[in-house]
Amino acid sequence: MNRPEHIRLLGVSIPLIVSSSKSVDPEEEVYGVWDPNDMSITINPECEPVQERVTVMHELVHAIDDFLYLEMTHQEVYILSQVLYQVLIDNPQLTDYLMFVPASTPKKTSFASSVASVRQTDWEATKAKGRPKPPTKRCR
């Protein structure tokens, strides 16, 4: 399966970049980075295939945490991303099940559009108060 170039999260297209350029410290082994400033996920190209996928899930949980203002600790992000990844691995049929929506299902306002509008309003209020965006999350 090919790596996607973007991941859609709550109506926002997040680039998935493979590069070692966002490493904190050359001595430190960094697998991935969620950057809320440019809304991108960067993955270290030296990751093994399974580690890359776990890291993408981990950085995606960081993005969800920022988008929804959950203020999770790094340990909570780590645990949740590991569990979600393992659930998907242990239940390969789950993705197909979750993605299937019968044609007769009525369309409803998406959760993504609701959250995106709230997030935009919150971000405008945050800018008005002069508060910066949250710092870049760097994970090892």
N, C-alpha and C. Protein backbone atom coordinates (compact mmCIF):
# COMPACT_ATOMS: atom_id res chain seq x y z
N MET A 1 0.85 -1.18 0.00
CA MET A 1 0.00 0.00 0.00
C MET A 1 0.89 1.24 0.00
N ASN A 2 0.57 2.18 -0.87
CA ASN A 2 1.36 3.40 -0.98
C ASN A 2 1.01 4.39 0.12
N ARG A 3 2.00 5.15 0.53
CA ARG A 3 1.81 6.20 1.54
C ARG A 3 1.03 7.34 0.91
N PRO A 4 -0.02 7.84 1.59
CA PRO A 4 -0.76 8.99 1.03
C PRO A 4 0.08 10.26 1.13
N GLU A 5 -0.15 11.18 0.21
CA GLU A 5 0.56 12.46 0.25
C GLU A 5 -0.09 13.43 1.23
N HIS A 6 -1.39 13.23 1.49
CA HIS A 6 -2.15 14.08 2.41
C HIS A 6 -3.08 13.21 3.24
N ILE A 7 -3.41 13.69 4.42
CA ILE A 7 -4.41 13.05 5.27
C ILE A 7 -5.46 14.11 5.57
N ARG A 8 -6.72 13.80 5.30
CA ARG A 8 -7.79 14.76 5.61
C ARG A 8 -8.21 14.58 7.06
N LEU A 9 -8.22 15.68 7.77
CA LEU A 9 -8.61 15.66 9.18
C LEU A 9 -9.57 16.82 9.40
N LEU A 10 -10.82 16.49 9.68
CA LEU A 10 -11.84 17.50 9.96
C LEU A 10 -11.89 18.59 8.90
N GLY A 11 -11.82 18.16 7.65
CA GLY A 11 -11.94 19.09 6.54
C GLY A 11 -10.64 19.76 6.12
N VAL A 12 -9.54 19.45 6.79
CA VAL A 12 -8.25 20.06 6.47
C VAL A 12 -7.34 19.00 5.86
N SER A 13 -6.68 19.36 4.77
CA SER A 13 -5.74 18.46 4.12
C SER A 13 -4.36 18.67 4.75
N ILE A 14 -3.86 17.63 5.41
CA ILE A 14 -2.57 17.69 6.10
C ILE A 14 -1.52 16.96 5.27
N PRO A 15 -0.50 17.69 4.80
CA PRO A 15 0.56 17.03 4.02
C PRO A 15 1.31 16.01 4.88
N LEU A 16 1.61 14.87 4.29
CA LEU A 16 2.42 13.84 4.92
C LEU A 16 3.76 13.86 4.20
N ILE A 17 4.77 14.40 4.87
CA ILE A 17 6.08 14.64 4.28
C ILE A 17 7.09 13.64 4.83
N VAL A 18 7.95 13.13 3.97
CA VAL A 18 9.03 12.26 4.42
C VAL A 18 10.32 13.05 4.28
N SER A 19 10.89 13.40 5.45
CA SER A 19 12.10 14.22 5.47
C SER A 19 12.69 14.19 6.87
N SER A 20 14.00 14.30 6.95
CA SER A 20 14.64 14.35 8.26
C SER A 20 14.96 15.78 8.66
N SER A 21 14.45 16.75 7.91
CA SER A 21 14.82 18.15 8.12
C SER A 21 14.24 18.76 9.39
N LYS A 22 13.20 18.17 10.00
CA LYS A 22 12.59 18.77 11.18
C LYS A 22 13.09 18.15 12.48
N SER A 23 14.20 17.47 12.43
CA SER A 23 14.75 16.85 13.63
C SER A 23 15.17 17.91 14.64
N VAL A 24 14.90 17.67 15.90
CA VAL A 24 15.23 18.61 16.96
C VAL A 24 16.73 18.68 17.16
N ASP A 25 17.36 17.54 17.23
CA ASP A 25 18.77 17.45 17.58
C ASP A 25 19.34 16.26 16.79
N PRO A 26 20.45 16.47 16.09
CA PRO A 26 21.02 15.37 15.30
C PRO A 26 21.32 14.12 16.14
N GLU A 27 21.59 14.32 17.44
CA GLU A 27 21.87 13.20 18.33
C GLU A 27 20.60 12.46 18.74
N GLU A 28 19.45 13.12 18.58
CA GLU A 28 18.18 12.55 19.03
C GLU A 28 17.49 11.85 17.86
N GLU A 29 16.99 10.65 18.11
CA GLU A 29 16.29 9.90 17.07
C GLU A 29 14.83 10.33 17.07
N VAL A 30 14.44 11.06 16.04
CA VAL A 30 13.07 11.55 15.93
C VAL A 30 12.39 10.79 14.79
N TYR A 31 11.24 10.17 15.11
CA TYR A 31 10.51 9.41 14.10
C TYR A 31 9.55 10.29 13.32
N GLY A 32 8.97 11.28 13.98
CA GLY A 32 7.99 12.11 13.30
C GLY A 32 7.73 13.41 14.02
N VAL A 33 7.13 14.34 13.29
CA VAL A 33 6.82 15.66 13.84
C VAL A 33 5.45 16.10 13.32
N TRP A 34 4.58 16.53 14.24
CA TRP A 34 3.35 17.23 13.88
C TRP A 34 3.66 18.70 14.05
N ASP A 35 3.51 19.47 12.98
CA ASP A 35 3.77 20.91 13.03
C ASP A 35 2.45 21.65 12.88
N PRO A 36 1.91 22.21 13.98
CA PRO A 36 0.64 22.91 13.90
C PRO A 36 0.74 24.24 13.16
N ASN A 37 1.95 24.77 13.00
CA ASN A 37 2.10 26.05 12.30
C ASN A 37 1.84 25.91 10.81
N ASP A 38 2.40 24.86 10.20
CA ASP A 38 2.11 24.66 8.77
C ASP A 38 1.17 23.48 8.55
N MET A 39 0.63 22.93 9.66
CA MET A 39 -0.32 21.83 9.61
C MET A 39 0.17 20.70 8.73
N SER A 40 1.34 20.18 9.10
CA SER A 40 1.91 19.07 8.35
C SER A 40 2.45 18.01 9.31
N ILE A 41 2.57 16.81 8.79
CA ILE A 41 3.20 15.71 9.50
C ILE A 41 4.43 15.34 8.71
N THR A 42 5.57 15.31 9.39
CA THR A 42 6.82 14.93 8.75
C THR A 42 7.30 13.63 9.39
N ILE A 43 7.67 12.68 8.54
CA ILE A 43 8.13 11.37 8.98
C ILE A 43 9.59 11.20 8.59
N ASN A 44 10.38 10.66 9.50
CA ASN A 44 11.79 10.39 9.24
C ASN A 44 11.90 9.29 8.17
N PRO A 45 12.68 9.53 7.10
CA PRO A 45 12.78 8.53 6.03
C PRO A 45 13.49 7.25 6.44
N GLU A 46 14.15 7.26 7.60
CA GLU A 46 14.87 6.07 8.04
C GLU A 46 13.99 5.11 8.85
N CYS A 47 12.71 5.45 9.03
CA CYS A 47 11.80 4.56 9.76
C CYS A 47 11.57 3.27 8.98
N GLU A 48 11.51 2.18 9.70
CA GLU A 48 11.10 0.91 9.10
C GLU A 48 9.61 1.01 8.77
N PRO A 49 9.08 0.21 7.84
CA PRO A 49 7.67 0.33 7.43
C PRO A 49 6.66 0.31 8.58
N VAL A 50 6.78 -0.60 9.53
CA VAL A 50 5.81 -0.64 10.63
C VAL A 50 5.98 0.59 11.52
N GLN A 51 7.23 0.97 11.82
CA GLN A 51 7.47 2.15 12.65
C GLN A 51 6.92 3.40 11.97
N GLU A 52 7.05 3.48 10.66
CA GLU A 52 6.50 4.63 9.92
C GLU A 52 4.99 4.73 10.12
N ARG A 53 4.29 3.62 10.00
CA ARG A 53 2.84 3.62 10.15
C ARG A 53 2.41 3.96 11.57
N VAL A 54 3.10 3.40 12.54
CA VAL A 54 2.81 3.73 13.94
C VAL A 54 3.05 5.22 14.18
N THR A 55 4.12 5.74 13.60
CA THR A 55 4.46 7.16 13.76
C THR A 55 3.41 8.06 13.11
N VAL A 56 2.93 7.68 11.94
CA VAL A 56 1.87 8.47 11.29
C VAL A 56 0.64 8.51 12.19
N MET A 57 0.26 7.37 12.77
CA MET A 57 -0.88 7.34 13.68
C MET A 57 -0.60 8.24 14.89
N HIS A 58 0.60 8.17 15.43
CA HIS A 58 0.97 8.97 16.59
C HIS A 58 0.87 10.47 16.29
N GLU A 59 1.44 10.88 15.16
CA GLU A 59 1.41 12.30 14.79
C GLU A 59 -0.02 12.74 14.47
N LEU A 60 -0.81 11.85 13.92
CA LEU A 60 -2.21 12.16 13.64
C LEU A 60 -2.98 12.39 14.94
N VAL A 61 -2.69 11.60 15.97
CA VAL A 61 -3.33 11.82 17.27
C VAL A 61 -2.90 13.18 17.84
N HIS A 62 -1.61 13.56 17.65
CA HIS A 62 -1.19 14.91 18.06
C HIS A 62 -2.02 15.97 17.33
N ALA A 63 -2.25 15.77 16.03
CA ALA A 63 -3.03 16.73 15.25
C ALA A 63 -4.47 16.81 15.77
N ILE A 64 -5.07 15.66 16.04
CA ILE A 64 -6.43 15.63 16.59
C ILE A 64 -6.45 16.36 17.93
N ASP A 65 -5.46 16.09 18.75
CA ASP A 65 -5.34 16.76 20.05
C ASP A 65 -5.33 18.28 19.88
N ASP A 66 -4.53 18.78 18.94
CA ASP A 66 -4.48 20.23 18.69
C ASP A 66 -5.79 20.75 18.11
N PHE A 67 -6.34 20.04 17.13
CA PHE A 67 -7.57 20.49 16.48
C PHE A 67 -8.72 20.62 17.47
N LEU A 68 -8.79 19.69 18.43
CA LEU A 68 -9.91 19.65 19.36
C LEU A 68 -9.58 20.23 20.73
N TYR A 69 -8.38 20.80 20.86
CA TYR A 69 -7.95 21.42 22.13
C TYR A 69 -8.10 20.45 23.30
N LEU A 70 -7.66 19.23 23.13
CA LEU A 70 -7.81 18.22 24.17
C LEU A 70 -6.73 18.33 25.26
N GLU A 71 -5.61 18.90 24.91
CA GLU A 71 -4.48 19.09 25.84
C GLU A 71 -4.02 17.77 26.45
N MET A 72 -3.87 16.77 25.59
CA MET A 72 -3.39 15.47 26.04
C MET A 72 -1.90 15.55 26.37
N THR A 73 -1.47 14.72 27.31
CA THR A 73 -0.04 14.61 27.58
C THR A 73 0.58 13.77 26.47
N HIS A 74 1.91 13.81 26.37
CA HIS A 74 2.56 13.00 25.34
C HIS A 74 2.33 11.52 25.60
N GLN A 75 2.30 11.14 26.86
CA GLN A 75 2.04 9.73 27.20
C GLN A 75 0.64 9.31 26.75
N GLU A 76 -0.36 10.18 26.93
CA GLU A 76 -1.72 9.87 26.48
C GLU A 76 -1.78 9.73 24.96
N VAL A 77 -1.08 10.61 24.25
CA VAL A 77 -1.02 10.52 22.79
C VAL A 77 -0.36 9.21 22.38
N TYR A 78 0.74 8.88 23.05
CA TYR A 78 1.47 7.65 22.74
C TYR A 78 0.57 6.42 22.94
N ILE A 79 -0.07 6.34 24.09
CA ILE A 79 -0.91 5.18 24.39
C ILE A 79 -2.09 5.08 23.43
N LEU A 80 -2.78 6.19 23.20
CA LEU A 80 -3.94 6.17 22.30
C LEU A 80 -3.54 5.78 20.88
N SER A 81 -2.43 6.32 20.39
CA SER A 81 -2.01 6.00 19.03
C SER A 81 -1.61 4.53 18.91
N GLN A 82 -0.94 3.99 19.92
CA GLN A 82 -0.56 2.57 19.90
C GLN A 82 -1.80 1.68 19.90
N VAL A 83 -2.78 2.02 20.74
CA VAL A 83 -4.00 1.21 20.84
C VAL A 83 -4.80 1.29 19.54
N LEU A 84 -4.98 2.49 18.99
CA LEU A 84 -5.73 2.62 17.73
C LEU A 84 -5.05 1.84 16.61
N TYR A 85 -3.74 1.95 16.51
CA TYR A 85 -3.01 1.22 15.47
C TYR A 85 -3.22 -0.29 15.65
N GLN A 86 -3.11 -0.77 16.88
CA GLN A 86 -3.25 -2.20 17.13
C GLN A 86 -4.68 -2.68 16.84
N VAL A 87 -5.67 -1.86 17.15
CA VAL A 87 -7.07 -2.23 16.83
C VAL A 87 -7.22 -2.42 15.32
N LEU A 88 -6.64 -1.52 14.54
CA LEU A 88 -6.74 -1.63 13.08
C LEU A 88 -5.99 -2.85 12.56
N ILE A 89 -4.84 -3.16 13.14
CA ILE A 89 -4.07 -4.34 12.73
C ILE A 89 -4.81 -5.63 13.10
N ASP A 90 -5.37 -5.65 14.31
CA ASP A 90 -6.06 -6.86 14.78
C ASP A 90 -7.42 -7.08 14.13
N ASN A 91 -7.97 -6.06 13.50
CA ASN A 91 -9.31 -6.13 12.91
C ASN A 91 -9.30 -5.57 11.49
N PRO A 92 -8.67 -6.26 10.55
CA PRO A 92 -8.55 -5.71 9.20
C PRO A 92 -9.89 -5.43 8.52
N GLN A 93 -10.93 -6.14 8.92
CA GLN A 93 -12.25 -5.92 8.34
C GLN A 93 -12.90 -4.65 8.88
N LEU A 94 -12.39 -4.10 9.95
CA LEU A 94 -12.99 -2.92 10.58
C LEU A 94 -12.97 -1.70 9.66
N THR A 95 -11.88 -1.48 8.95
CA THR A 95 -11.80 -0.33 8.05
C THR A 95 -12.88 -0.41 6.98
N ASP A 96 -13.03 -1.59 6.36
CA ASP A 96 -14.07 -1.75 5.34
C ASP A 96 -15.46 -1.49 5.93
N TYR A 97 -15.69 -2.02 7.13
CA TYR A 97 -16.98 -1.83 7.79
C TYR A 97 -17.24 -0.34 8.07
N LEU A 98 -16.26 0.35 8.61
CA LEU A 98 -16.44 1.76 8.95
C LEU A 98 -16.61 2.63 7.71
N MET A 99 -16.01 2.23 6.60
CA MET A 99 -16.07 3.03 5.38
C MET A 99 -17.34 2.80 4.58
N PHE A 100 -18.03 1.70 4.82
CA PHE A 100 -19.23 1.39 4.05
C PHE A 100 -20.43 2.13 4.62
N VAL A 101 -21.04 2.96 3.78
CA VAL A 101 -22.27 3.66 4.15
C VAL A 101 -23.30 3.32 3.08
N PRO A 102 -24.41 2.67 3.46
CA PRO A 102 -25.43 2.32 2.47
C PRO A 102 -25.92 3.56 1.71
N ALA A 103 -26.22 3.36 0.45
CA ALA A 103 -26.66 4.47 -0.40
C ALA A 103 -27.95 5.11 0.11
N SER A 104 -28.74 4.38 0.85
CA SER A 104 -30.02 4.90 1.34
C SER A 104 -29.88 5.77 2.59
N THR A 105 -28.65 5.88 3.12
CA THR A 105 -28.44 6.68 4.33
C THR A 105 -28.58 8.16 4.00
N PRO A 106 -29.44 8.88 4.73
CA PRO A 106 -29.58 10.31 4.44
C PRO A 106 -28.31 11.07 4.81
N LYS A 107 -28.02 12.12 4.01
CA LYS A 107 -26.84 12.94 4.29
C LYS A 107 -27.13 13.85 5.48
N LYS A 108 -26.13 13.97 6.34
CA LYS A 108 -26.24 14.85 7.49
C LYS A 108 -25.05 15.79 7.48
N THR A 109 -25.14 16.86 8.24
CA THR A 109 -24.01 17.76 8.37
C THR A 109 -22.85 16.97 8.95
N SER A 110 -21.70 17.08 8.34
CA SER A 110 -20.57 16.30 8.81
C SER A 110 -19.99 16.87 10.09
N PHE A 111 -19.47 15.97 10.90
CA PHE A 111 -18.78 16.37 12.12
C PHE A 111 -17.61 17.27 11.78
N ALA A 112 -16.93 16.94 10.67
CA ALA A 112 -15.76 17.72 10.26
C ALA A 112 -16.11 19.17 10.02
N SER A 113 -17.20 19.46 9.32
CA SER A 113 -17.55 20.84 9.03
C SER A 113 -17.95 21.58 10.31
N SER A 114 -18.61 20.88 11.23
CA SER A 114 -18.98 21.51 12.50
C SER A 114 -17.75 21.88 13.31
N VAL A 115 -16.81 20.92 13.43
CA VAL A 115 -15.60 21.17 14.21
C VAL A 115 -14.74 22.22 13.52
N ALA A 116 -14.64 22.15 12.19
CA ALA A 116 -13.82 23.12 11.47
C ALA A 116 -14.32 24.54 11.69
N SER A 117 -15.64 24.74 11.70
CA SER A 117 -16.15 26.09 11.91
C SER A 117 -15.91 26.56 13.33
N VAL A 118 -16.04 25.65 14.31
CA VAL A 118 -15.75 26.01 15.70
C VAL A 118 -14.27 26.32 15.85
N ARG A 119 -13.41 25.48 15.23
CA ARG A 119 -11.96 25.70 15.34
C ARG A 119 -11.58 27.04 14.73
N GLN A 120 -12.15 27.40 13.58
CA GLN A 120 -11.84 28.67 12.95
C GLN A 120 -12.25 29.83 13.86
N THR A 121 -13.43 29.74 14.45
CA THR A 121 -13.90 30.78 15.36
C THR A 121 -12.97 30.88 16.56
N ASP A 122 -12.58 29.72 17.15
CA ASP A 122 -11.67 29.72 18.28
C ASP A 122 -10.32 30.31 17.91
N TRP A 123 -9.82 29.96 16.71
CA TRP A 123 -8.52 30.46 16.28
C TRP A 123 -8.58 31.97 16.09
N GLU A 124 -9.67 32.49 15.53
CA GLU A 124 -9.80 33.94 15.36
C GLU A 124 -9.83 34.62 16.72
N ALA A 125 -10.51 34.03 17.71
CA ALA A 125 -10.54 34.59 19.06
C ALA A 125 -9.15 34.53 19.70
N THR A 126 -8.43 33.44 19.45
CA THR A 126 -7.08 33.29 19.99
C THR A 126 -6.16 34.34 19.39
N LYS A 127 -6.25 34.56 18.07
CA LYS A 127 -5.42 35.59 17.43
C LYS A 127 -5.74 36.96 17.99
N ALA A 128 -7.02 37.22 18.22
CA ALA A 128 -7.43 38.53 18.75
C ALA A 128 -6.83 38.78 20.13
N LYS A 129 -6.63 37.72 20.90
CA LYS A 129 -6.04 37.86 22.23
C LYS A 129 -4.52 37.86 22.17
N GLY A 130 -3.96 37.69 20.97
CA GLY A 130 -2.51 37.73 20.81
C GLY A 130 -1.78 36.47 21.24
N ARG A 131 -2.51 35.35 21.38
CA ARG A 131 -1.86 34.11 21.78
C ARG A 131 -1.33 33.38 20.55
N PRO A 132 -0.12 32.83 20.66
CA PRO A 132 0.45 32.10 19.52
C PRO A 132 -0.17 30.72 19.38
N LYS A 133 0.06 30.12 18.21
CA LYS A 133 -0.34 28.73 18.01
C LYS A 133 0.48 27.85 18.94
N PRO A 134 0.00 26.61 19.20
CA PRO A 134 0.76 25.73 20.07
C PRO A 134 2.10 25.35 19.42
N PRO A 135 3.10 24.96 20.23
CA PRO A 135 4.41 24.61 19.68
C PRO A 135 4.35 23.32 18.86
N THR A 136 5.34 23.17 18.01
CA THR A 136 5.49 21.95 17.21
C THR A 136 5.72 20.76 18.12
N LYS A 137 5.05 19.64 17.83
CA LYS A 137 5.21 18.41 18.60
C LYS A 137 6.29 17.57 17.93
N ARG A 138 7.32 17.23 18.65
CA ARG A 138 8.40 16.40 18.12
C ARG A 138 8.41 15.08 18.91
N CYS A 139 8.40 13.99 18.19
CA CYS A 139 8.27 12.70 18.86
C CYS A 139 9.43 11.80 18.53
N ARG A 140 9.80 11.00 19.50
CA ARG A 140 10.85 10.01 19.25
C ARG A 140 10.38 8.65 19.64
